[in-house]
Amino acid sequence: MAVVVVIAVIKLSSPVCNDCWLAGYTALHMAAAWNRVEIVKVLVESGADCDLKNSYNEVARDVAERYGNRNCMNFLDSSGVSALACIINCPQECCLCLSL
């Protein structure tokens, strides 16, 4: 359910939010900290900056490692963008997006 909400927010708003909150955490840092790999994937595929550092000089992958969140670490190590990026970022409903 959370993934559906994140996708809807991204589609309805401006490009993915890379704003920093308390201690310099972004949405990507928070998702990595809470081991929400499905949300990490959506954020990365929507253009979240994996290189932003928090106040502790950590990128999201470092946060995932600190909390022992291996699934998030593995995804952030590979950071592959899939067809989901097309669905979210497509300026028009192209044939590729409609076939997914």
N, C-alpha and C. Protein backbone atom coordinates (compact mmCIF):
# COMPACT_ATOMS: atom_id res chain seq x y z
N MET A 1 0.81 -1.20 0.00
CA MET A 1 0.00 0.00 0.00
C MET A 1 0.86 1.26 0.00
N ALA A 2 1.93 1.26 0.80
CA ALA A 2 2.79 2.44 0.89
C ALA A 2 3.41 2.77 -0.46
N VAL A 3 3.76 1.75 -1.23
CA VAL A 3 4.37 1.99 -2.54
C VAL A 3 3.39 2.71 -3.46
N VAL A 4 2.13 2.32 -3.42
CA VAL A 4 1.11 2.95 -4.25
C VAL A 4 0.99 4.43 -3.88
N VAL A 5 1.03 4.74 -2.61
CA VAL A 5 0.94 6.12 -2.15
C VAL A 5 2.16 6.91 -2.63
N VAL A 6 3.35 6.33 -2.50
CA VAL A 6 4.56 7.02 -2.93
C VAL A 6 4.52 7.30 -4.43
N ILE A 7 4.10 6.33 -5.23
CA ILE A 7 4.00 6.53 -6.68
C ILE A 7 3.01 7.64 -6.99
N ALA A 8 1.87 7.64 -6.33
CA ALA A 8 0.85 8.67 -6.57
C ALA A 8 1.38 10.05 -6.22
N VAL A 9 2.08 10.18 -5.11
CA VAL A 9 2.64 11.48 -4.71
C VAL A 9 3.66 11.95 -5.73
N ILE A 10 4.51 11.05 -6.20
CA ILE A 10 5.53 11.42 -7.18
C ILE A 10 4.88 11.87 -8.48
N LYS A 11 3.86 11.15 -8.95
CA LYS A 11 3.20 11.51 -10.21
C LYS A 11 2.48 12.84 -10.11
N LEU A 12 1.96 13.18 -8.94
CA LEU A 12 1.18 14.40 -8.77
C LEU A 12 2.02 15.62 -8.43
N SER A 13 3.25 15.41 -8.00
CA SER A 13 4.07 16.54 -7.58
C SER A 13 5.21 16.78 -8.55
N SER A 14 6.02 17.73 -8.19
CA SER A 14 7.22 18.02 -8.97
C SER A 14 8.18 16.85 -8.84
N PRO A 15 9.34 16.93 -9.49
CA PRO A 15 10.29 15.81 -9.41
C PRO A 15 10.53 15.40 -7.96
N VAL A 16 10.94 14.17 -7.81
CA VAL A 16 11.08 13.58 -6.48
C VAL A 16 11.82 14.52 -5.54
N CYS A 17 11.33 14.56 -4.33
CA CYS A 17 11.84 15.50 -3.34
C CYS A 17 13.18 15.04 -2.79
N ASN A 18 14.19 15.86 -2.96
CA ASN A 18 15.49 15.58 -2.37
C ASN A 18 15.75 16.52 -1.19
N ASP A 19 14.66 17.12 -0.67
CA ASP A 19 14.79 18.01 0.48
C ASP A 19 15.29 17.24 1.69
N CYS A 20 16.02 17.93 2.53
CA CYS A 20 16.55 17.32 3.73
C CYS A 20 15.70 17.71 4.93
N TRP A 21 15.57 16.74 5.85
CA TRP A 21 14.83 16.97 7.08
C TRP A 21 15.80 16.95 8.24
N LEU A 22 15.32 16.63 9.40
CA LEU A 22 16.14 16.56 10.60
C LEU A 22 17.38 15.71 10.36
N ALA A 23 18.51 16.20 10.73
CA ALA A 23 19.81 15.52 10.58
C ALA A 23 20.17 15.30 9.12
N GLY A 24 19.57 16.05 8.23
CA GLY A 24 19.92 15.97 6.81
C GLY A 24 19.37 14.76 6.08
N TYR A 25 18.41 14.07 6.69
CA TYR A 25 17.82 12.89 6.05
C TYR A 25 16.87 13.30 4.93
N THR A 26 16.95 12.57 3.82
CA THR A 26 15.99 12.72 2.73
C THR A 26 14.99 11.55 2.83
N ALA A 27 14.00 11.55 1.96
CA ALA A 27 13.05 10.44 1.93
C ALA A 27 13.79 9.13 1.67
N LEU A 28 14.82 9.18 0.84
CA LEU A 28 15.60 7.99 0.52
C LEU A 28 16.36 7.49 1.75
N HIS A 29 16.96 8.40 2.51
CA HIS A 29 17.62 8.01 3.76
C HIS A 29 16.63 7.32 4.70
N MET A 30 15.44 7.91 4.83
CA MET A 30 14.43 7.35 5.75
C MET A 30 13.98 5.97 5.31
N ALA A 31 13.72 5.81 4.02
CA ALA A 31 13.29 4.49 3.52
C ALA A 31 14.38 3.45 3.75
N ALA A 32 15.64 3.85 3.56
CA ALA A 32 16.76 2.92 3.78
C ALA A 32 16.88 2.58 5.26
N ALA A 33 16.66 3.56 6.13
CA ALA A 33 16.75 3.32 7.57
C ALA A 33 15.66 2.36 8.04
N TRP A 34 14.48 2.47 7.47
CA TRP A 34 13.35 1.63 7.87
C TRP A 34 13.25 0.34 7.07
N ASN A 35 14.25 0.08 6.22
CA ASN A 35 14.31 -1.16 5.42
C ASN A 35 13.09 -1.32 4.51
N ARG A 36 12.67 -0.23 3.90
CA ARG A 36 11.53 -0.26 2.98
C ARG A 36 12.07 -0.29 1.55
N VAL A 37 12.59 -1.45 1.15
CA VAL A 37 13.26 -1.58 -0.13
C VAL A 37 12.34 -1.22 -1.29
N GLU A 38 11.06 -1.52 -1.18
CA GLU A 38 10.14 -1.20 -2.28
C GLU A 38 10.01 0.32 -2.46
N ILE A 39 10.06 1.05 -1.36
CA ILE A 39 9.99 2.51 -1.46
C ILE A 39 11.34 3.06 -1.92
N VAL A 40 12.44 2.47 -1.47
CA VAL A 40 13.77 2.86 -1.96
C VAL A 40 13.81 2.73 -3.47
N LYS A 41 13.30 1.62 -4.00
CA LYS A 41 13.29 1.40 -5.45
C LYS A 41 12.50 2.48 -6.16
N VAL A 42 11.30 2.78 -5.67
CA VAL A 42 10.46 3.80 -6.30
C VAL A 42 11.16 5.16 -6.28
N LEU A 43 11.75 5.52 -5.15
CA LEU A 43 12.44 6.81 -5.06
C LEU A 43 13.62 6.90 -6.01
N VAL A 44 14.44 5.87 -6.04
CA VAL A 44 15.62 5.86 -6.93
C VAL A 44 15.18 5.92 -8.39
N GLU A 45 14.19 5.12 -8.74
CA GLU A 45 13.73 5.07 -10.12
C GLU A 45 13.02 6.36 -10.53
N SER A 46 12.65 7.16 -9.54
CA SER A 46 12.00 8.44 -9.81
C SER A 46 12.98 9.60 -9.79
N GLY A 47 14.25 9.30 -9.56
CA GLY A 47 15.26 10.34 -9.64
C GLY A 47 15.83 10.81 -8.32
N ALA A 48 15.54 10.13 -7.22
CA ALA A 48 16.14 10.52 -5.94
C ALA A 48 17.67 10.45 -6.05
N ASP A 49 18.32 11.40 -5.47
CA ASP A 49 19.78 11.48 -5.53
C ASP A 49 20.40 10.57 -4.48
N CYS A 50 21.01 9.48 -4.94
CA CYS A 50 21.64 8.50 -4.04
C CYS A 50 22.93 9.03 -3.42
N ASP A 51 23.42 10.17 -3.89
CA ASP A 51 24.69 10.70 -3.41
C ASP A 51 24.55 11.79 -2.36
N LEU A 52 23.30 12.15 -2.02
CA LEU A 52 23.11 13.18 -0.98
C LEU A 52 23.51 12.61 0.37
N LYS A 53 24.22 13.42 1.15
CA LYS A 53 24.70 12.97 2.45
C LYS A 53 23.92 13.66 3.57
N ASN A 54 23.69 12.91 4.64
CA ASN A 54 23.02 13.49 5.81
C ASN A 54 24.05 14.20 6.69
N SER A 55 23.62 14.65 7.85
CA SER A 55 24.51 15.38 8.75
C SER A 55 25.65 14.53 9.30
N TYR A 56 25.52 13.22 9.17
CA TYR A 56 26.56 12.30 9.62
C TYR A 56 27.48 11.87 8.47
N ASN A 57 27.35 12.58 7.34
CA ASN A 57 28.15 12.32 6.14
C ASN A 57 27.86 10.95 5.54
N GLU A 58 26.59 10.50 5.65
CA GLU A 58 26.19 9.20 5.13
C GLU A 58 25.24 9.36 3.95
N VAL A 59 25.45 8.56 2.92
CA VAL A 59 24.46 8.44 1.85
C VAL A 59 23.45 7.39 2.30
N ALA A 60 22.35 7.23 1.57
CA ALA A 60 21.30 6.29 1.97
C ALA A 60 21.83 4.87 2.13
N ARG A 61 22.76 4.49 1.29
CA ARG A 61 23.33 3.13 1.36
C ARG A 61 24.05 2.94 2.69
N ASP A 62 24.75 3.98 3.16
CA ASP A 62 25.43 3.92 4.45
C ASP A 62 24.43 3.75 5.60
N VAL A 63 23.31 4.45 5.50
CA VAL A 63 22.27 4.35 6.52
C VAL A 63 21.72 2.93 6.55
N ALA A 64 21.45 2.37 5.38
CA ALA A 64 20.96 0.99 5.30
C ALA A 64 21.97 0.04 5.95
N GLU A 65 23.25 0.25 5.70
CA GLU A 65 24.28 -0.61 6.29
C GLU A 65 24.32 -0.46 7.80
N ARG A 66 24.23 0.77 8.29
CA ARG A 66 24.28 1.01 9.73
C ARG A 66 23.17 0.25 10.46
N TYR A 67 22.00 0.16 9.82
CA TYR A 67 20.88 -0.54 10.44
C TYR A 67 20.79 -2.02 10.03
N GLY A 68 21.76 -2.48 9.25
CA GLY A 68 21.79 -3.88 8.85
C GLY A 68 20.72 -4.27 7.85
N ASN A 69 20.28 -3.32 7.04
CA ASN A 69 19.21 -3.56 6.07
C ASN A 69 19.80 -4.00 4.73
N ARG A 70 20.08 -5.29 4.65
CA ARG A 70 20.79 -5.85 3.49
C ARG A 70 20.03 -5.69 2.17
N ASN A 71 18.71 -5.83 2.18
CA ASN A 71 17.96 -5.69 0.92
C ASN A 71 18.13 -4.30 0.34
N CYS A 72 18.04 -3.29 1.20
CA CYS A 72 18.24 -1.92 0.72
C CYS A 72 19.67 -1.70 0.27
N MET A 73 20.63 -2.26 1.04
CA MET A 73 22.03 -2.12 0.66
C MET A 73 22.27 -2.72 -0.72
N ASN A 74 21.76 -3.92 -0.93
CA ASN A 74 21.97 -4.59 -2.22
C ASN A 74 21.35 -3.81 -3.37
N PHE A 75 20.14 -3.30 -3.16
CA PHE A 75 19.52 -2.52 -4.23
C PHE A 75 20.31 -1.25 -4.50
N LEU A 76 20.70 -0.54 -3.45
CA LEU A 76 21.43 0.72 -3.64
C LEU A 76 22.81 0.48 -4.24
N ASP A 77 23.38 -0.70 -4.00
CA ASP A 77 24.65 -1.03 -4.64
C ASP A 77 24.48 -1.20 -6.14
N SER A 78 23.36 -1.77 -6.55
CA SER A 78 23.11 -2.01 -7.98
C SER A 78 22.40 -0.83 -8.62
N SER A 79 21.50 -0.18 -7.89
CA SER A 79 20.73 1.00 -8.35
C SER A 79 20.23 0.88 -9.78
N GLY A 80 19.73 -0.26 -10.16
CA GLY A 80 19.19 -0.42 -11.50
C GLY A 80 17.86 0.28 -11.66
N VAL A 81 17.67 0.96 -12.78
CA VAL A 81 16.39 1.60 -13.07
C VAL A 81 15.60 0.68 -13.98
N SER A 82 14.38 0.39 -13.58
CA SER A 82 13.55 -0.55 -14.32
C SER A 82 12.45 0.16 -15.09
N ALA A 83 11.52 -0.63 -15.58
CA ALA A 83 10.39 -0.09 -16.32
C ALA A 83 9.53 0.81 -15.45
N LEU A 84 9.62 0.68 -14.12
CA LEU A 84 8.85 1.55 -13.24
C LEU A 84 9.20 3.01 -13.47
N ALA A 85 10.45 3.29 -13.80
CA ALA A 85 10.86 4.66 -14.07
C ALA A 85 10.09 5.22 -15.26
N CYS A 86 9.82 4.40 -16.25
CA CYS A 86 9.06 4.85 -17.41
C CYS A 86 7.63 5.21 -17.00
N ILE A 87 7.03 4.37 -16.20
CA ILE A 87 5.65 4.61 -15.77
C ILE A 87 5.55 5.93 -15.01
N ILE A 88 6.48 6.17 -14.11
CA ILE A 88 6.42 7.36 -13.27
C ILE A 88 6.81 8.62 -14.04
N ASN A 89 7.83 8.53 -14.86
CA ASN A 89 8.39 9.72 -15.49
C ASN A 89 7.89 10.00 -16.90
N CYS A 90 7.08 9.12 -17.45
CA CYS A 90 6.63 9.27 -18.83
C CYS A 90 5.79 10.54 -18.98
N PRO A 91 6.18 11.45 -19.87
CA PRO A 91 5.40 12.67 -20.06
C PRO A 91 4.06 12.43 -20.76
N GLN A 92 3.96 11.31 -21.38
CA GLN A 92 2.70 10.93 -22.04
C GLN A 92 2.55 9.43 -21.89
N GLU A 93 1.39 8.94 -22.09
CA GLU A 93 1.18 7.50 -21.93
C GLU A 93 1.64 6.81 -23.22
N CYS A 94 2.93 6.52 -23.27
CA CYS A 94 3.51 5.90 -24.47
C CYS A 94 3.17 4.42 -24.54
N CYS A 95 3.45 3.81 -25.66
CA CYS A 95 3.14 2.39 -25.86
C CYS A 95 3.84 1.51 -24.84
N LEU A 96 5.09 1.84 -24.51
CA LEU A 96 5.82 1.05 -23.54
C LEU A 96 5.12 1.08 -22.19
N CYS A 97 4.74 2.26 -21.74
CA CYS A 97 4.10 2.37 -20.44
C CYS A 97 2.75 1.66 -20.43
N LEU A 98 2.02 1.77 -21.49
CA LEU A 98 0.69 1.13 -21.54
C LEU A 98 0.79 -0.38 -21.57
N SER A 99 1.92 -0.91 -22.04
CA SER A 99 2.06 -2.36 -22.12
C SER A 99 2.56 -2.97 -20.82
N LEU A 100 2.95 -2.15 -19.84
CA LEU A 100 3.49 -2.67 -18.58
C LEU A 100 2.38 -3.02 -17.62
